[in-house]
Amino acid sequence: MSALLNDVLSLNKPLAYQLIRALSPNELWRSLRSVIPDTHLSATFSPSSADDLVLALQNSFVSLGELVKWLELVHAFDALLLLKPDEPVVIREHPQPRLELESRADAVLRLTCRASSFPPPNYQWYRDGQPLFCDESVCTSPVLEIRNPTPAHSGTYTCRAWSVRGSEKFSKPCKVIVKFPASSSSRESAPLSATDKVALIISNSAYSGGETLPLTENDAESLGKALAALEFRIIAFKNLRKGDIAYALSIFRQFLKPGTYSVFYYAGHGFKEDGRDYIQPVDCDDNAPADDCVCFQEIVEEIRAAPCSLNLIMLDACRDTRELPSSSAVGSTSRIGGIRPQHVRRSTIVVYATSPSTSAVEVDGHPNGLFMEHFSKHVGETASVHEVILRSLKDFERHKLASMQVPVVKYDIPGDHSLSDPILDSPVYYENKRLWLHVSRLPQNKKFQFGDTEHTLHVEFSCEKEVFCNSMVVVASVVPRMSNIHVDLQAVECRGGTVLRHSSYVLTVGDLQHVMSQVCFKVVLTDLDSRRTLYHRNINCGWPLVTAWHFRDNFTCVH
């Protein structure tokens, strides 16, 4: 650092040009000139550019160390990266070895780790060896603050301080123990809240042979939007085969962490055989054996085995009894996902839209099936789940077709949980937030100007019915509208998916759970009078919605 700046730059001429570039933005060189003492540059010297200033410094016998000191005064970070030697990460302040606190509304879990280095250090907090995925300003700063902590925040915390040049250090660990206040001896005595909320909704409406159930998609849409308003993460699928249902459940299980509230809802064909209910995949007809379908009771067992605080599980399907042979209906040891539950919590409500040996009713002219028509009226209310179901059933009983469909409810939960309970700021929430990106992220809407006019090409993306993560609607349009322009939207690449063309400018890309390539489209604008192509555009949408699930482990932070 004692070397003269002139000697350093003379030996490395590209460095001089890089320094000039680093001082040019926002005329940073003016700020630098203001802090240089008159003993080094004449008080009357007034440079007109970064070039002038750097040349003057070279001719005034300024040392590299002196220039670095002045650059630090004006926070010229890019210039410092060029001239200041790297300094390894050194942790100056470690978090305390142990922290015990009570879970209260005014409590704050606060840990501090401070380090020094050049370039300046970055921070990442860890809990039990796993990076915390919380708001970037919280988990990537020297001070970690978690407000209103719960026992779910207990664990061993460490902080990684690291430099972009490769140096890193971990802090000493801190053992954090969060307890409920001594007066509260159980979870039920504490205010009810969730660490996160997530719902898996499956709508099977388009069956093989052309049979359709037109209202099941409406039922899924109604429930999905109502739960989204209560801050649930909605994972909604349509028209699934048996393997697809298992895949959807495997995604769902990743979100079922300690303290979460979960909702499972299926609408579509079903039946009952040998005492068990079955969900009918879309590629199965009414005579398909039970082995080709999905056992609803196994789904219930899988969800009950998760460490959730609340599970609401609903089967909105026929339960007509079939007398067909099935090798797996009795004594089966298979489970969805291949796991036999070992422990079951008392946290579950199971709702059957109809009684055994009866059908679920759809009424002509009604937008929803009979069960969802009444349940959707109350699901958004700030009442316990018990009360919401009770109110729905009371309304149901007043319907003229109530005698044809009698819902059945089974309770196994001691608390008065509500679907509207608040979500805590917890590690579970941020871990699920990271996962959520890989089933919910849509491509950004696009705007392209064409020609020398005020007109632009708009390409917009949405989930079908605003809920389904395996079906995306794409709309292309010219704004303002031009009556003589034909808009042709084409799917160029969508390997494994299905494309439904509603018109020349509207497409639905379905079966996204099967897509094994990036999704690409092409838009062509044609003059109807001259038949001449005015404009064309290729659009790469990457991996939208559930197609990105395969890549979830490649990302370690939320932006």
Foldseek 3Di string as FASTA:
>chain_A
DQAFPLVVCVVPVVLLVQLQVLCAVVNVVVQLVVPDDCVQPPPPDDDPGSNRVSVSSSVRRHGLVVSLVSCVVSVSQSNCVSRPDKFAKDKPDFWDAEEEDEQDQADKDKTFIDIQIPVGKWKFKDFPRATFFAPCVAGTDRMHIFGRDAQLFFGKMKMWIADPVGHIDIGRIYGYGYHHPPVDPDPQVDAQFAQAAEEEEEEEAQAPPRGGDQQRVVLSLLVQVLLVVLVYQFAYAYQFFAVRVLVSVVLVLVLQAARYAYEYEYADEWEAEPRWIWDHHRHDDPPDARVRTHTPVLSVQVSQLGNYQAYEYEYQYFHAYDYDDDPQPPPHPAHRVRDGRDDGDQHYKYKYFFDHNAGFDDDPPDNHTLQSVQLSVQLNDFFFPVVSVVRSQVVSVPDPCSVRGPMDMDHRHDHRHHSNHYHGSHSSNSVVVLLSCQAAAFFDWDWADFDPDPKIKTWDKAAVSNRHSFKMKIFIAIPPHDPQKDKAKAWDAFPQWDWDDPDRGMIMTGRLVRTDFFTKMKIWIAGNVVRHTRDMDIDTGGRGHNSRSVVSVVDRHDD
